[in-house]
Amino acid sequence: QVQLVESGGGLVQAGGSLRLSCAASGRTFTSYTMGWFRQAPGKEREFVAAVIWATGSTYYADSVKGRFTISRDSAKNTVYLQMNSLKPEDTAVYYCADKTKAWGGDIRASRYDYWGQGTQVTVSS
């Protein structure tokens, strides 16, 4: 019953910035963690960032630390991913995901219960 809709992807030159949004609707009150994952062609889906709704605590993959920032607006049931200093290796489909339980870890994709449709981010060199 939870719907997640990503937006904000596109084509950007290396060094540029993009801001992704994920609007959630439905039973968002049950959400514990909202995460961002990405998947490039031929590669595994990988963790990018996560935020715990109640506390605002954040987690980042080493590959994006210092460049990406995850945040949430509880009033709008929306999570954002600000991506700066983009690199060609950031090119992927980016997905937002909702984990409704406190246990299970926040990095493992298999622990998330709801997923958006994805938004394409392409970084040219």
Protein backbone atom coordinates (compact mmCIF):
# COMPACT_ATOMS: atom_id res chain seq x y z
CA GLN A 1 0.00 0.00 0.00
CA VAL A 2 3.01 2.30 0.24
CA GLN A 3 3.87 4.11 -2.96
CA LEU A 4 7.27 5.66 -3.61
CA VAL A 5 7.87 7.94 -6.58
CA GLU A 6 11.34 9.18 -7.45
CA SER A 7 12.09 12.24 -9.52
CA GLY A 8 14.98 14.53 -10.34
CA GLY A 9 17.21 12.28 -12.38
CA GLY A 10 18.75 13.36 -15.63
CA LEU A 11 21.93 13.96 -17.58
CA VAL A 12 24.66 16.03 -15.99
CA GLN A 13 28.32 16.68 -16.66
CA ALA A 14 31.00 15.42 -14.32
CA GLY A 15 31.34 17.74 -11.37
CA GLY A 16 27.73 18.81 -11.56
CA SER A 17 24.88 18.33 -9.14
CA LEU A 18 21.45 16.76 -9.04
CA ARG A 19 18.79 16.58 -6.38
CA LEU A 20 16.62 13.49 -6.27
CA SER A 21 13.26 13.40 -4.53
CA CYS A 22 11.20 10.49 -3.33
CA ALA A 23 7.60 11.18 -2.44
CA ALA A 24 5.93 8.59 -0.27
CA SER A 25 2.24 8.00 0.16
CA GLY A 26 0.19 5.47 2.05
CA ARG A 27 1.27 3.92 5.33
CA THR A 28 4.36 6.03 5.70
CA PHE A 29 3.81 6.32 9.44
CA THR A 30 5.23 2.82 9.73
CA SER A 31 8.49 3.75 8.03
CA TYR A 32 11.62 3.40 10.11
CA THR A 33 14.31 3.97 7.49
CA MET A 34 14.27 5.46 4.03
CA GLY A 35 17.17 4.54 1.82
CA TRP A 36 18.62 5.27 -1.57
CA PHE A 37 20.13 2.52 -3.68
CA ARG A 38 21.53 2.50 -7.18
CA GLN A 39 22.08 -0.06 -9.88
CA ALA A 40 24.24 0.26 -12.96
CA PRO A 41 23.82 -2.07 -15.95
CA GLY A 42 25.36 -5.46 -15.25
CA LYS A 43 26.06 -4.64 -11.63
CA GLU A 44 24.47 -5.43 -8.31
CA ARG A 45 22.15 -3.00 -6.63
CA GLU A 46 24.20 -1.12 -4.07
CA PHE A 47 23.48 0.95 -1.02
CA VAL A 48 23.96 4.70 -1.34
CA ALA A 49 22.49 6.40 1.71
CA ALA A 50 19.82 6.03 4.36
CA VAL A 51 18.07 8.16 6.94
CA ILE A 52 16.19 7.11 10.04
CA TRP A 53 12.95 9.05 10.09
CA ALA A 54 12.59 9.49 13.81
CA THR A 55 16.08 10.75 14.54
CA GLY A 56 17.46 12.01 11.26
CA SER A 57 20.52 9.81 11.63
CA THR A 58 22.17 9.15 8.30
CA TYR A 59 24.38 6.52 6.75
CA TYR A 60 26.42 6.72 3.57
CA ALA A 61 28.34 4.40 1.35
CA ASP A 62 32.04 5.19 1.34
CA SER A 63 31.89 5.97 -2.35
CA VAL A 64 29.55 8.93 -1.83
CA LYS A 65 30.60 10.31 1.54
CA GLY A 66 31.31 14.00 1.36
CA ARG A 67 29.48 14.33 -1.94
CA PHE A 68 25.92 13.13 -1.31
CA THR A 69 23.50 14.22 1.38
CA ILE A 70 20.29 12.46 2.33
CA SER A 71 17.53 14.31 4.12
CA ARG A 72 13.85 13.98 4.84
CA ASP A 73 10.86 16.25 5.22
CA SER A 74 8.48 14.44 7.53
CA ALA A 75 5.63 16.87 6.88
CA LYS A 76 5.78 16.07 3.17
CA ASN A 77 6.70 12.39 3.53
CA THR A 78 9.56 13.06 1.18
CA VAL A 79 13.20 12.06 1.19
CA TYR A 80 15.88 13.80 -0.83
CA LEU A 81 19.29 12.93 -2.12
CA GLN A 82 21.48 15.90 -2.92
CA MET A 83 24.28 14.73 -5.18
CA ASN A 84 27.27 17.00 -5.69
CA SER A 85 30.58 16.54 -7.47
CA LEU A 86 29.07 13.83 -9.60
CA LYS A 87 31.35 11.36 -11.30
CA PRO A 88 30.76 9.12 -14.33
CA GLU A 89 30.81 6.12 -11.99
CA ASP A 90 27.71 7.53 -10.30
CA THR A 91 25.74 6.72 -13.44
CA ALA A 92 22.96 4.34 -12.49
CA VAL A 93 19.28 4.00 -11.88
CA TYR A 94 18.59 5.35 -8.42
CA TYR A 95 15.87 3.85 -6.27
CA CYS A 96 14.37 4.95 -3.03
CA ALA A 97 13.21 2.32 -0.59
CA ASP A 98 11.29 2.11 2.65
CA LYS A 99 12.16 -0.17 5.55
CA THR A 100 9.28 -0.38 7.97
CA LYS A 101 10.99 -2.17 10.85
CA ALA A 102 13.78 -1.08 13.13
CA TRP A 103 15.64 -4.35 12.91
CA GLY A 104 17.43 -5.99 10.03
CA GLY A 105 20.01 -3.35 9.24
CA ASP A 106 19.69 -0.24 7.11
CA ILE A 107 22.19 -1.11 4.39
CA ARG A 108 20.84 -4.43 3.18
CA ALA A 109 18.47 -4.01 0.26
CA SER A 110 16.68 -7.22 1.14
CA ARG A 111 15.44 -5.66 4.37
CA TYR A 112 13.51 -2.91 2.63
CA ASP A 113 9.81 -3.44 2.10
CA TYR A 114 8.82 -0.93 -0.57
CA TRP A 115 10.62 0.39 -3.62
CA GLY A 116 10.15 3.18 -6.10
CA GLN A 117 10.31 2.77 -9.84
CA GLY A 118 13.75 4.32 -10.12
CA THR A 119 15.11 7.41 -11.81
CA GLN A 120 18.02 7.46 -14.23
CA VAL A 121 21.12 9.47 -13.42
CA THR A 122 23.70 9.78 -16.16
CA VAL A 123 26.98 11.59 -15.61
CA SER A 124 29.01 12.39 -18.68
CA SER A 125 32.78 12.79 -18.68
